[in-house]
Amino acid sequence: RTGISAVFNKGHQVTKPESHPRNNRPVHKKGRLHKRVKLVREVIKEISGLAPYEKAMVEMIKTGVPAREKKALKLAKKRLGSHKRSHAKRNELINFVQAQRKRQ
């Protein structure tokens, strides 16, 4: 800033605050998963089990056919509303199926 009102860098000269860098502001912490929340969600998931659409997805994934996995993705997208969420759900259920197979 130059302090002059008619040039490219126009405006009042100020010193930028050093205490709160832009990426460390409280607003950037919103939505971050904490340990306690993660634990609570795991317990609830363990007690309640899978939702009906998740059970259907698991059955599609267990077949191992790529076309069935795509159908599972489309089902998740319809239920969850976005492609990104459906990918996350499919990966979560694939890991769930693999963990089941390991236990057996």
N, C-alpha and C. Protein backbone atom coordinates (compact mmCIF):
# COMPACT_ATOMS: atom_id res chain seq x y z
N ARG A 1 0.83 -1.20 0.00
CA ARG A 1 0.00 0.00 0.00
C ARG A 1 0.86 1.25 0.00
N THR A 2 0.41 2.24 -0.73
CA THR A 2 1.21 3.45 -0.85
C THR A 2 0.69 4.59 0.02
N GLY A 3 -0.59 4.56 0.39
CA GLY A 3 -1.17 5.66 1.15
C GLY A 3 -1.76 6.72 0.24
N ILE A 4 -1.57 6.55 -1.06
CA ILE A 4 -2.12 7.49 -2.03
C ILE A 4 -3.40 6.89 -2.61
N SER A 5 -4.41 7.74 -2.90
CA SER A 5 -5.71 7.21 -3.29
C SER A 5 -5.87 6.99 -4.79
N ALA A 6 -4.82 7.22 -5.60
CA ALA A 6 -5.02 7.15 -7.04
C ALA A 6 -3.98 6.29 -7.78
N VAL A 7 -3.42 5.29 -7.15
CA VAL A 7 -2.45 4.42 -7.82
C VAL A 7 -2.87 2.97 -7.68
N PHE A 8 -2.09 2.05 -8.26
CA PHE A 8 -2.47 0.64 -8.23
C PHE A 8 -2.62 0.10 -6.81
N ASN A 9 -1.65 0.38 -5.96
CA ASN A 9 -1.70 -0.11 -4.58
C ASN A 9 -2.33 0.91 -3.65
N LYS A 10 -3.46 1.44 -4.05
CA LYS A 10 -4.05 2.53 -3.29
C LYS A 10 -4.60 2.04 -1.95
N GLY A 11 -4.74 2.95 -1.01
CA GLY A 11 -5.35 2.61 0.26
C GLY A 11 -4.49 2.97 1.45
N HIS A 12 -5.09 2.87 2.61
CA HIS A 12 -4.43 3.22 3.87
C HIS A 12 -3.39 2.17 4.23
N GLN A 13 -2.24 2.61 4.71
CA GLN A 13 -1.18 1.68 5.09
C GLN A 13 -1.49 1.10 6.48
N VAL A 14 -1.47 -0.21 6.58
CA VAL A 14 -1.71 -0.87 7.86
C VAL A 14 -0.66 -1.95 8.07
N THR A 15 -0.43 -2.32 9.32
CA THR A 15 0.45 -3.44 9.61
C THR A 15 -0.42 -4.67 9.79
N LYS A 16 -0.07 -5.73 9.13
CA LYS A 16 -0.88 -6.95 9.19
C LYS A 16 -0.66 -7.64 10.54
N PRO A 17 -1.74 -8.19 11.13
CA PRO A 17 -1.59 -8.87 12.41
C PRO A 17 -0.82 -10.18 12.25
N GLU A 18 0.14 -10.41 13.12
CA GLU A 18 0.96 -11.63 13.05
C GLU A 18 0.39 -12.75 13.94
N SER A 19 -0.48 -12.37 14.89
CA SER A 19 -0.95 -13.36 15.86
C SER A 19 -1.88 -14.41 15.24
N HIS A 20 -2.65 -14.02 14.23
CA HIS A 20 -3.60 -14.95 13.61
C HIS A 20 -3.35 -15.07 12.13
N PRO A 21 -2.46 -15.97 11.73
CA PRO A 21 -2.29 -16.18 10.29
C PRO A 21 -3.59 -16.68 9.67
N ARG A 22 -3.80 -16.42 8.42
CA ARG A 22 -5.07 -16.72 7.74
C ARG A 22 -5.51 -18.18 7.89
N ASN A 23 -4.56 -19.11 7.81
CA ASN A 23 -4.96 -20.53 7.83
C ASN A 23 -5.16 -21.07 9.24
N ASN A 24 -4.97 -20.25 10.25
CA ASN A 24 -5.12 -20.74 11.62
C ASN A 24 -6.31 -20.09 12.32
N ARG A 25 -7.22 -19.52 11.55
CA ARG A 25 -8.38 -18.87 12.14
C ARG A 25 -9.40 -19.92 12.57
N PRO A 26 -10.21 -19.59 13.55
CA PRO A 26 -11.20 -20.57 14.06
C PRO A 26 -12.13 -21.10 12.97
N VAL A 27 -12.45 -20.29 11.98
CA VAL A 27 -13.38 -20.72 10.94
C VAL A 27 -12.83 -21.91 10.15
N HIS A 28 -11.51 -22.04 10.09
CA HIS A 28 -10.91 -23.15 9.35
C HIS A 28 -10.97 -24.46 10.14
N LYS A 29 -11.32 -24.41 11.41
CA LYS A 29 -11.39 -25.61 12.22
C LYS A 29 -12.77 -26.26 12.15
N LYS A 30 -13.73 -25.57 11.52
CA LYS A 30 -15.09 -26.08 11.46
C LYS A 30 -15.14 -27.37 10.63
N GLY A 31 -15.83 -28.36 11.15
CA GLY A 31 -16.02 -29.61 10.42
C GLY A 31 -14.90 -30.62 10.61
N ARG A 32 -13.89 -30.28 11.37
CA ARG A 32 -12.78 -31.22 11.59
C ARG A 32 -13.24 -32.30 12.57
N LEU A 33 -12.89 -33.53 12.28
CA LEU A 33 -13.33 -34.65 13.10
C LEU A 33 -12.46 -34.79 14.35
N HIS A 34 -13.10 -34.73 15.51
CA HIS A 34 -12.38 -34.86 16.77
C HIS A 34 -12.45 -36.31 17.26
N LYS A 35 -11.55 -36.66 18.17
CA LYS A 35 -11.46 -38.04 18.67
C LYS A 35 -12.76 -38.50 19.29
N ARG A 36 -13.36 -37.65 20.14
CA ARG A 36 -14.57 -38.04 20.85
C ARG A 36 -15.72 -38.28 19.89
N VAL A 37 -15.88 -37.39 18.91
CA VAL A 37 -16.96 -37.53 17.93
C VAL A 37 -16.76 -38.82 17.12
N LYS A 38 -15.52 -39.09 16.74
CA LYS A 38 -15.21 -40.30 15.99
C LYS A 38 -15.57 -41.54 16.79
N LEU A 39 -15.21 -41.56 18.07
CA LEU A 39 -15.51 -42.68 18.94
C LEU A 39 -17.01 -42.89 19.09
N VAL A 40 -17.75 -41.80 19.31
CA VAL A 40 -19.20 -41.88 19.47
C VAL A 40 -19.84 -42.44 18.20
N ARG A 41 -19.39 -41.95 17.05
CA ARG A 41 -19.96 -42.44 15.78
C ARG A 41 -19.67 -43.92 15.58
N GLU A 42 -18.47 -44.36 15.95
CA GLU A 42 -18.12 -45.78 15.82
C GLU A 42 -19.01 -46.64 16.70
N VAL A 43 -19.24 -46.21 17.94
CA VAL A 43 -20.08 -46.96 18.87
C VAL A 43 -21.50 -47.06 18.35
N ILE A 44 -22.04 -45.94 17.88
CA ILE A 44 -23.41 -45.93 17.35
C ILE A 44 -23.50 -46.85 16.13
N LYS A 45 -22.50 -46.79 15.26
CA LYS A 45 -22.50 -47.63 14.06
C LYS A 45 -22.46 -49.11 14.43
N GLU A 46 -21.66 -49.43 15.46
CA GLU A 46 -21.52 -50.81 15.90
C GLU A 46 -22.83 -51.34 16.49
N ILE A 47 -23.51 -50.48 17.24
CA ILE A 47 -24.76 -50.90 17.89
C ILE A 47 -25.91 -50.99 16.89
N SER A 48 -26.05 -49.97 16.05
CA SER A 48 -27.21 -49.90 15.17
C SER A 48 -27.07 -50.75 13.91
N GLY A 49 -25.82 -51.02 13.50
CA GLY A 49 -25.62 -51.82 12.30
C GLY A 49 -25.75 -50.98 11.04
N LEU A 50 -25.94 -51.66 9.92
CA LEU A 50 -26.02 -50.97 8.64
C LEU A 50 -27.45 -50.58 8.30
N ALA A 51 -27.57 -49.49 7.54
CA ALA A 51 -28.88 -49.07 7.03
C ALA A 51 -29.27 -50.01 5.89
N PRO A 52 -30.55 -50.08 5.55
CA PRO A 52 -30.98 -50.99 4.48
C PRO A 52 -30.25 -50.77 3.15
N TYR A 53 -30.04 -49.50 2.77
CA TYR A 53 -29.34 -49.26 1.50
C TYR A 53 -27.88 -49.68 1.60
N GLU A 54 -27.29 -49.58 2.80
CA GLU A 54 -25.91 -50.03 2.99
C GLU A 54 -25.81 -51.55 2.88
N LYS A 55 -26.82 -52.25 3.40
CA LYS A 55 -26.84 -53.71 3.27
C LYS A 55 -26.92 -54.12 1.81
N ALA A 56 -27.75 -53.39 1.04
CA ALA A 56 -27.87 -53.67 -0.39
C ALA A 56 -26.53 -53.42 -1.09
N MET A 57 -25.85 -52.34 -0.71
CA MET A 57 -24.55 -52.02 -1.29
C MET A 57 -23.53 -53.10 -0.96
N VAL A 58 -23.55 -53.58 0.29
CA VAL A 58 -22.61 -54.63 0.70
C VAL A 58 -22.81 -55.88 -0.14
N GLU A 59 -24.06 -56.23 -0.39
CA GLU A 59 -24.34 -57.41 -1.21
C GLU A 59 -23.80 -57.23 -2.63
N MET A 60 -23.95 -56.02 -3.17
CA MET A 60 -23.44 -55.74 -4.52
C MET A 60 -21.91 -55.80 -4.54
N ILE A 61 -21.29 -55.28 -3.50
CA ILE A 61 -19.82 -55.24 -3.44
C ILE A 61 -19.26 -56.65 -3.26
N LYS A 62 -19.95 -57.50 -2.49
CA LYS A 62 -19.48 -58.86 -2.22
C LYS A 62 -19.36 -59.70 -3.49
N THR A 63 -20.17 -59.38 -4.51
CA THR A 63 -20.11 -60.16 -5.75
C THR A 63 -18.76 -60.00 -6.44
N GLY A 64 -18.14 -58.81 -6.29
CA GLY A 64 -16.83 -58.57 -6.89
C GLY A 64 -16.90 -58.18 -8.36
N VAL A 65 -18.11 -58.05 -8.91
CA VAL A 65 -18.28 -57.66 -10.31
C VAL A 65 -18.23 -56.12 -10.39
N PRO A 66 -17.39 -55.57 -11.27
CA PRO A 66 -17.28 -54.11 -11.37
C PRO A 66 -18.60 -53.41 -11.68
N ALA A 67 -19.44 -54.03 -12.52
CA ALA A 67 -20.73 -53.43 -12.85
C ALA A 67 -21.61 -53.31 -11.61
N ARG A 68 -21.53 -54.32 -10.74
CA ARG A 68 -22.32 -54.30 -9.49
C ARG A 68 -21.79 -53.21 -8.55
N GLU A 69 -20.47 -53.02 -8.55
CA GLU A 69 -19.89 -51.97 -7.70
C GLU A 69 -20.34 -50.60 -8.19
N LYS A 70 -20.46 -50.45 -9.51
CA LYS A 70 -20.94 -49.19 -10.05
C LYS A 70 -22.40 -48.96 -9.67
N LYS A 71 -23.18 -50.04 -9.69
CA LYS A 71 -24.58 -49.93 -9.26
C LYS A 71 -24.66 -49.52 -7.79
N ALA A 72 -23.75 -50.06 -6.99
CA ALA A 72 -23.70 -49.69 -5.58
C ALA A 72 -23.39 -48.20 -5.44
N LEU A 73 -22.48 -47.72 -6.27
CA LEU A 73 -22.12 -46.30 -6.25
C LEU A 73 -23.32 -45.43 -6.63
N LYS A 74 -24.06 -45.87 -7.65
CA LYS A 74 -25.23 -45.11 -8.08
C LYS A 74 -26.31 -45.10 -7.00
N LEU A 75 -26.47 -46.23 -6.32
CA LEU A 75 -27.44 -46.30 -5.23
C LEU A 75 -27.06 -45.34 -4.11
N ALA A 76 -25.77 -45.33 -3.76
CA ALA A 76 -25.30 -44.43 -2.71
C ALA A 76 -25.47 -42.98 -3.11
N LYS A 77 -25.22 -42.68 -4.38
CA LYS A 77 -25.37 -41.31 -4.86
C LYS A 77 -26.81 -40.85 -4.75
N LYS A 78 -27.72 -41.76 -5.06
CA LYS A 78 -29.15 -41.42 -4.98
C LYS A 78 -29.55 -41.16 -3.53
N ARG A 79 -29.03 -41.96 -2.59
CA ARG A 79 -29.39 -41.83 -1.19
C ARG A 79 -28.68 -40.66 -0.48
N LEU A 80 -27.40 -40.45 -0.83
CA LEU A 80 -26.59 -39.47 -0.10
C LEU A 80 -26.53 -38.10 -0.76
N GLY A 81 -26.83 -38.03 -2.06
CA GLY A 81 -26.95 -36.73 -2.69
C GLY A 81 -25.77 -36.23 -3.48
N SER A 82 -24.56 -36.74 -3.25
CA SER A 82 -23.44 -36.24 -4.03
C SER A 82 -22.47 -37.36 -4.38
N HIS A 83 -21.71 -37.13 -5.44
CA HIS A 83 -20.75 -38.11 -5.94
C HIS A 83 -19.65 -38.35 -4.92
N LYS A 84 -19.19 -37.27 -4.30
CA LYS A 84 -18.10 -37.35 -3.33
C LYS A 84 -18.50 -38.20 -2.12
N ARG A 85 -19.71 -37.95 -1.60
CA ARG A 85 -20.20 -38.72 -0.45
C ARG A 85 -20.39 -40.18 -0.81
N SER A 86 -20.89 -40.43 -2.03
CA SER A 86 -21.13 -41.82 -2.43
C SER A 86 -19.81 -42.59 -2.57
N HIS A 87 -18.76 -41.92 -3.07
CA HIS A 87 -17.44 -42.55 -3.16
C HIS A 87 -16.92 -42.91 -1.77
N ALA A 88 -17.08 -41.96 -0.85
CA ALA A 88 -16.62 -42.20 0.52
C ALA A 88 -17.37 -43.38 1.15
N LYS A 89 -18.67 -43.43 0.93
CA LYS A 89 -19.49 -44.51 1.48
C LYS A 89 -19.10 -45.85 0.87
N ARG A 90 -18.88 -45.88 -0.44
CA ARG A 90 -18.49 -47.13 -1.10
C ARG A 90 -17.15 -47.62 -0.57
N ASN A 91 -16.19 -46.71 -0.43
CA ASN A 91 -14.88 -47.10 0.10
C ASN A 91 -15.00 -47.60 1.53
N GLU A 92 -15.85 -46.96 2.32
CA GLU A 92 -16.08 -47.39 3.70
C GLU A 92 -16.64 -48.82 3.74
N LEU A 93 -17.60 -49.09 2.86
CA LEU A 93 -18.22 -50.43 2.84
C LEU A 93 -17.28 -51.48 2.25
N ILE A 94 -16.42 -51.09 1.31
CA ILE A 94 -15.42 -52.03 0.78
C ILE A 94 -14.47 -52.43 1.90
N ASN A 95 -14.05 -51.44 2.70
CA ASN A 95 -13.18 -51.74 3.85
C ASN A 95 -13.90 -52.63 4.86
N PHE A 96 -15.20 -52.40 5.04
CA PHE A 96 -16.02 -53.19 5.96
C PHE A 96 -16.07 -54.65 5.50
N VAL A 97 -16.28 -54.86 4.20
CA VAL A 97 -16.35 -56.22 3.64
C VAL A 97 -15.00 -56.91 3.78
N GLN A 98 -13.91 -56.17 3.50
CA GLN A 98 -12.57 -56.76 3.62
C GLN A 98 -12.28 -57.15 5.07
N ALA A 99 -12.70 -56.33 6.02
CA ALA A 99 -12.50 -56.63 7.43
C ALA A 99 -13.28 -57.88 7.83
N GLN A 100 -14.50 -58.01 7.28
CA GLN A 100 -15.32 -59.21 7.54
C GLN A 100 -14.63 -60.46 7.03
N ARG A 101 -14.05 -60.36 5.84
CA ARG A 101 -13.37 -61.52 5.25
C ARG A 101 -12.13 -61.89 6.05
N LYS A 102 -11.43 -60.89 6.57
CA LYS A 102 -10.24 -61.16 7.39
C LYS A 102 -10.60 -61.90 8.67
N ARG A 103 -11.75 -61.53 9.26
CA ARG A 103 -12.19 -62.16 10.53
C ARG A 103 -12.52 -63.63 10.33
N GLN A 104 -12.96 -64.00 9.13
CA GLN A 104 -13.37 -65.39 8.91
C GLN A 104 -12.20 -66.31 8.65
